C-alpha atoms as a PDB file:
ATOM      1  CA  MET A   1       0.000   0.000   0.000  1.00  0.00           C
ATOM      2  CA  LYS A   2       1.342   3.413  -0.927  1.00  0.00           C
ATOM      3  CA  THR A   3       1.595   6.251   1.552  1.00  0.00           C
ATOM      4  CA  PHE A   4      -1.053   8.911   0.980  1.00  0.00           C
ATOM      5  CA  THR A   5       0.303  12.397   0.324  1.00  0.00           C
ATOM      6  CA  ALA A   6      -2.167  15.265   0.102  1.00  0.00           C
ATOM      7  CA  THR A   7      -2.069  17.617  -2.863  1.00  0.00           C
ATOM      8  CA  PRO A   8      -3.461  21.169  -2.889  1.00  0.00           C
ATOM      9  CA  ALA A   9      -6.651  19.820  -4.513  1.00  0.00           C
ATOM     10  CA  ASP A  10      -7.198  17.446  -1.559  1.00  0.00           C
ATOM     11  CA  ILE A  11      -7.062  20.183   1.077  1.00  0.00           C
ATOM     12  CA  ASP A  12     -10.387  21.218   2.601  1.00  0.00           C
ATOM     13  CA  LYS A  13     -10.069  24.165   4.977  1.00  0.00           C
ATOM     14  CA  LYS A  14     -12.836  24.927   7.466  1.00  0.00           C
ATOM     15  CA  TRP A  15     -13.388  27.911   9.742  1.00  0.00           C
ATOM     16  CA  ILE A  16     -13.366  27.220  13.481  1.00  0.00           C
ATOM     17  CA  LEU A  17     -14.539  29.628  16.218  1.00  0.00           C
ATOM     18  CA  ILE A  18     -13.171  29.200  19.743  1.00  0.00           C
ATOM     19  CA  ASP A  19     -14.280  31.173  22.787  1.00  0.00           C
ATOM     20  CA  ALA A  20     -11.256  31.557  25.093  1.00  0.00           C
ATOM     21  CA  GLU A  21     -13.178  32.898  28.101  1.00  0.00           C
ATOM     22  CA  GLY A  22     -12.089  30.958  31.204  1.00  0.00           C
ATOM     23  CA  VAL A  23      -9.937  28.495  29.223  1.00  0.00           C
ATOM     24  CA  VAL A  24      -6.383  27.696  30.379  1.00  0.00           C
ATOM     25  CA  LEU A  25      -3.877  29.296  27.993  1.00  0.00           C
ATOM     26  CA  GLY A  26      -1.540  26.350  27.387  1.00  0.00           C
ATOM     27  CA  ARG A  27      -4.353  23.888  26.737  1.00  0.00           C
ATOM     28  CA  LEU A  28      -6.019  26.339  24.360  1.00  0.00           C
ATOM     29  CA  ALA A  29      -2.737  26.944  22.515  1.00  0.00           C
ATOM     30  CA  SER A  30      -2.031  23.233  22.019  1.00  0.00           C
ATOM     31  CA  ILE A  31      -5.529  22.588  20.621  1.00  0.00           C
ATOM     32  CA  VAL A  32      -5.297  25.590  18.283  1.00  0.00           C
ATOM     33  CA  ALA A  33      -1.797  24.607  17.112  1.00  0.00           C
ATOM     34  CA  MET A  34      -3.035  21.123  16.279  1.00  0.00           C
ATOM     35  CA  ARG A  35      -5.942  22.599  14.280  1.00  0.00           C
ATOM     36  CA  LEU A  36      -3.647  25.037  12.440  1.00  0.00           C
ATOM     37  CA  ARG A  37      -1.277  22.234  11.389  1.00  0.00           C
ATOM     38  CA  GLY A  38      -4.113  19.907  10.393  1.00  0.00           C
ATOM     39  CA  LYS A  39      -3.042  17.039  12.655  1.00  0.00           C
ATOM     40  CA  HIS A  40      -6.680  16.356  13.557  1.00  0.00           C
ATOM     41  CA  LYS A  41      -7.369  15.224   9.971  1.00  0.00           C
ATOM     42  CA  PRO A  42      -6.760  11.638   8.823  1.00  0.00           C
ATOM     43  CA  SER A  43      -5.147  12.954   5.635  1.00  0.00           C
ATOM     44  CA  PHE A  44      -2.466  14.944   7.536  1.00  0.00           C
ATOM     45  CA  THR A  45       0.622  15.633   5.440  1.00  0.00           C
ATOM     46  CA  PRO A  46       3.517  17.253   7.342  1.00  0.00           C
ATOM     47  CA  HIS A  47       4.819  19.419   4.481  1.00  0.00           C
ATOM     48  CA  MET A  48       1.441  20.912   3.438  1.00  0.00           C
ATOM     49  CA  ASP A  49      -0.596  23.738   4.974  1.00  0.00           C
ATOM     50  CA  MET A  50      -3.786  21.758   5.441  1.00  0.00           C
ATOM     51  CA  GLY A  51      -4.988  23.128   8.774  1.00  0.00           C
ATOM     52  CA  ASP A  52      -8.177  25.039   9.414  1.00  0.00           C
ATOM     53  CA  ASN A  53      -8.685  28.781   9.802  1.00  0.00           C
ATOM     54  CA  VAL A  54      -9.109  29.460  13.524  1.00  0.00           C
ATOM     55  CA  ILE A  55     -10.847  32.466  15.094  1.00  0.00           C
ATOM     56  CA  ILE A  56     -10.316  33.034  18.822  1.00  0.00           C
ATOM     57  CA  ILE A  57     -12.574  35.495  20.658  1.00  0.00           C
ATOM     58  CA  ASN A  58     -12.388  36.799  24.243  1.00  0.00           C
ATOM     59  CA  ALA A  59      -8.596  36.406  24.318  1.00  0.00           C
ATOM     60  CA  ASP A  60      -8.405  38.961  27.121  1.00  0.00           C
ATOM     61  CA  LYS A  61     -10.336  36.580  29.421  1.00  0.00           C
ATOM     62  CA  VAL A  62      -7.961  33.624  29.052  1.00  0.00           C
ATOM     63  CA  GLN A  63      -6.825  32.008  32.323  1.00  0.00           C
ATOM     64  CA  MET A  64      -3.420  30.878  33.558  1.00  0.00           C
ATOM     65  CA  THR A  65      -2.697  28.315  36.249  1.00  0.00           C
ATOM     66  CA  GLY A  66      -0.583  28.984  39.310  1.00  0.00           C
ATOM     67  CA  ARG A  67       1.180  32.339  39.484  1.00  0.00           C
ATOM     68  CA  LYS A  68       1.946  32.554  35.775  1.00  0.00           C
ATOM     69  CA  ARG A  69      -0.099  35.710  35.324  1.00  0.00           C
ATOM     70  CA  ASP A  70       2.414  37.585  37.505  1.00  0.00           C
ATOM     71  CA  ASP A  71       5.573  35.485  37.122  1.00  0.00           C
ATOM     72  CA  LYS A  72       5.633  34.732  33.379  1.00  0.00           C
ATOM     73  CA  GLN A  73       7.818  37.238  31.546  1.00  0.00           C
ATOM     74  CA  TYR A  74       7.839  38.083  27.844  1.00  0.00           C
ATOM     75  CA  TYR A  75      11.246  39.351  26.693  1.00  0.00           C
ATOM     76  CA  TRP A  76      12.357  41.295  23.621  1.00  0.00           C
ATOM     77  CA  HIS A  77      15.473  43.173  22.635  1.00  0.00           C
ATOM     78  CA  THR A  78      15.567  46.673  21.205  1.00  0.00           C
ATOM     79  CA  GLY A  79      18.735  46.019  19.212  1.00  0.00           C
ATOM     80  CA  TYR A  80      20.843  48.379  21.318  1.00  0.00           C
ATOM     81  CA  PRO A  81      23.456  47.308  23.897  1.00  0.00           C
ATOM     82  CA  GLY A  82      21.720  46.544  27.173  1.00  0.00           C
ATOM     83  CA  GLY A  83      18.365  46.793  25.431  1.00  0.00           C
ATOM     84  CA  ILE A  84      16.667  43.702  26.868  1.00  0.00           C
ATOM     85  CA  LYS A  85      13.125  44.505  28.006  1.00  0.00           C
ATOM     86  CA  SER A  86      10.350  42.478  29.554  1.00  0.00           C
ATOM     87  CA  ARG A  87       6.698  42.581  30.557  1.00  0.00           C
ATOM     88  CA  SER A  88       4.688  40.197  32.688  1.00  0.00           C
ATOM     89  CA  ALA A  89       1.682  38.355  31.321  1.00  0.00           C
ATOM     90  CA  ARG A  90      -0.584  40.470  33.548  1.00  0.00           C
ATOM     91  CA  GLN A  91       0.767  43.710  32.068  1.00  0.00           C
ATOM     92  CA  ILE A  92       0.134  42.491  28.525  1.00  0.00           C
ATOM     93  CA  LEU A  93      -3.335  41.079  29.277  1.00  0.00           C
ATOM     94  CA  GLU A  94      -4.381  44.324  30.951  1.00  0.00           C
ATOM     95  CA  GLY A  95      -2.729  46.458  28.255  1.00  0.00           C
ATOM     96  CA  ALA A  96      -3.775  47.580  24.799  1.00  0.00           C
ATOM     97  CA  HIS A  97      -3.146  44.257  22.985  1.00  0.00           C
ATOM     98  CA  PRO A  98      -4.105  41.296  25.213  1.00  0.00           C
ATOM     99  CA  GLU A  99      -4.500  39.018  22.179  1.00  0.00           C
ATOM    100  CA  ARG A 100      -0.709  38.912  21.797  1.00  0.00           C
ATOM    101  CA  VAL A 101      -0.402  36.498  24.736  1.00  0.00           C
ATOM    102  CA  VAL A 102      -2.573  33.923  22.950  1.00  0.00           C
ATOM    103  CA  THR A 103      -0.868  34.509  19.607  1.00  0.00           C
ATOM    104  CA  LYS A 104       2.602  34.033  21.110  1.00  0.00           C
ATOM    105  CA  ALA A 105       1.525  30.871  22.960  1.00  0.00           C
ATOM    106  CA  VAL A 106       0.182  29.305  19.751  1.00  0.00           C
ATOM    107  CA  GLN A 107       3.255  30.394  17.759  1.00  0.00           C
ATOM    108  CA  ARG A 108       5.544  28.700  20.285  1.00  0.00           C
ATOM    109  CA  MET A 109       3.548  25.456  20.022  1.00  0.00           C
ATOM    110  CA  LEU A 110       4.299  25.245  16.282  1.00  0.00           C
ATOM    111  CA  PRO A 111       7.647  24.123  14.867  1.00  0.00           C
ATOM    112  CA  GLY A 112       9.813  26.919  13.493  1.00  0.00           C
ATOM    113  CA  GLY A 113      10.100  27.470   9.763  1.00  0.00           C
ATOM    114  CA  LYS A 114       8.388  28.828   6.680  1.00  0.00           C
ATOM    115  CA  LEU A 115       5.424  26.469   6.909  1.00  0.00           C
ATOM    116  CA  SER A 116       4.646  27.466  10.497  1.00  0.00           C
ATOM    117  CA  ARG A 117       4.741  31.145   9.588  1.00  0.00           C
ATOM    118  CA  GLN A 118       2.303  30.427   6.774  1.00  0.00           C
ATOM    119  CA  GLN A 119       0.048  28.461   9.135  1.00  0.00           C
ATOM    120  CA  MET A 120       0.057  31.343  11.632  1.00  0.00           C
ATOM    121  CA  THR A 121      -1.641  33.528   8.987  1.00  0.00           C
ATOM    122  CA  ASN A 122      -4.691  31.256   9.399  1.00  0.00           C
ATOM    123  CA  LEU A 123      -5.071  32.360  13.034  1.00  0.00           C
ATOM    124  CA  ARG A 124      -7.204  35.372  13.972  1.00  0.00           C
ATOM    125  CA  VAL A 125      -7.296  36.460  17.617  1.00  0.00           C
ATOM    126  CA  TYR A 126      -9.659  39.099  19.018  1.00  0.00           C
ATOM    127  CA  ALA A 127      -9.684  40.517  22.543  1.00  0.00           C
ATOM    128  CA  GLY A 128     -13.468  40.962  22.658  1.00  0.00           C
ATOM    129  CA  ALA A 129     -16.472  38.881  21.629  1.00  0.00           C
ATOM    130  CA  GLU A 130     -16.849  40.596  18.223  1.00  0.00           C
ATOM    131  CA  HIS A 131     -15.207  39.342  15.028  1.00  0.00           C
ATOM    132  CA  PRO A 132     -15.637  40.269  11.333  1.00  0.00           C
ATOM    133  CA  HIS A 133     -15.787  36.676  10.016  1.00  0.00           C
ATOM    134  CA  GLU A 134     -19.510  35.910  10.167  1.00  0.00           C
ATOM    135  CA  ALA A 135     -19.627  35.517   6.371  1.00  0.00           C
ATOM    136  CA  GLN A 136     -17.367  32.441   6.628  1.00  0.00           C
ATOM    137  CA  GLN A 137     -19.939  30.717   8.913  1.00  0.00           C
ATOM    138  CA  PRO A 138     -17.381  29.298  11.374  1.00  0.00           C
ATOM    139  CA  GLU A 139     -18.124  26.102  13.297  1.00  0.00           C
ATOM    140  CA  VAL A 140     -17.987  26.546  17.074  1.00  0.00           C
ATOM    141  CA  LEU A 141     -15.421  24.357  18.835  1.00  0.00           C
ATOM    142  CA  ASP A 142     -16.206  24.118  22.562  1.00  0.00           C
ATOM    143  CA  VAL A 143     -12.790  23.733  24.206  1.00  0.00           C
ATOM    144  CA  ARG A 144     -14.346  24.081  27.660  1.00  0.00           C
ATOM    145  CA  ALA A 145     -16.405  20.911  27.210  1.00  0.00           C
ATOM    146  CA  MET A 146     -13.514  18.778  25.879  1.00  0.00           C
ATOM    147  CA  ASN A 147     -11.926  18.272  29.306  1.00  0.00           C
ATOM    148  CA  LYS A 148     -12.719  19.654  32.745  1.00  0.00           C
ATOM    149  CA  LYS A 149      -9.036  20.642  33.142  1.00  0.00           C
ATOM    150  CA  ASN A 150      -9.366  23.052  30.200  1.00  0.00           C
ATOM    151  CA  THR A 151     -11.192  25.586  32.374  1.00  0.00           C
ATOM    152  CA  ARG A 152     -10.288  27.426  35.491  1.00  0.00           C
ATOM    153  CA  SER A 153     -12.381  29.792  37.557  1.00  0.00           C
ATOM    154  CA  ALA A 154     -11.057  33.298  38.127  1.00  0.00           C
END
């Protein structure tokens, strides 16, 4: 039996809507990364972008376990000597762009390379409950109901 390899004609992309309110960040990110890569499909081909388009709403209401909200640091460098800077997860979530925490978590769950950067373009993250993708008629994926460990009360 020959190994099946998907071609661009075989790829069927769907739109998935996920509500991140009360969901643990790491569990959400791993589920979204799997959907973006297409590993949930029986016809998964590692070198093809065959994942779904994922819309995440309420990214500002995502939960973290333990003390990660205060202790987790996001670092970047300005390019100048001594230019390392950092912000805690709480500062970012309470700031102007709380969706960046979810985006960065999903990005770090994917392998590095050109294909992963292409797959990240299929991810849309919104801080509030509104999104402009109603015309695509996304299917709702209830991450909260998948496992009781996926949620955490505030």
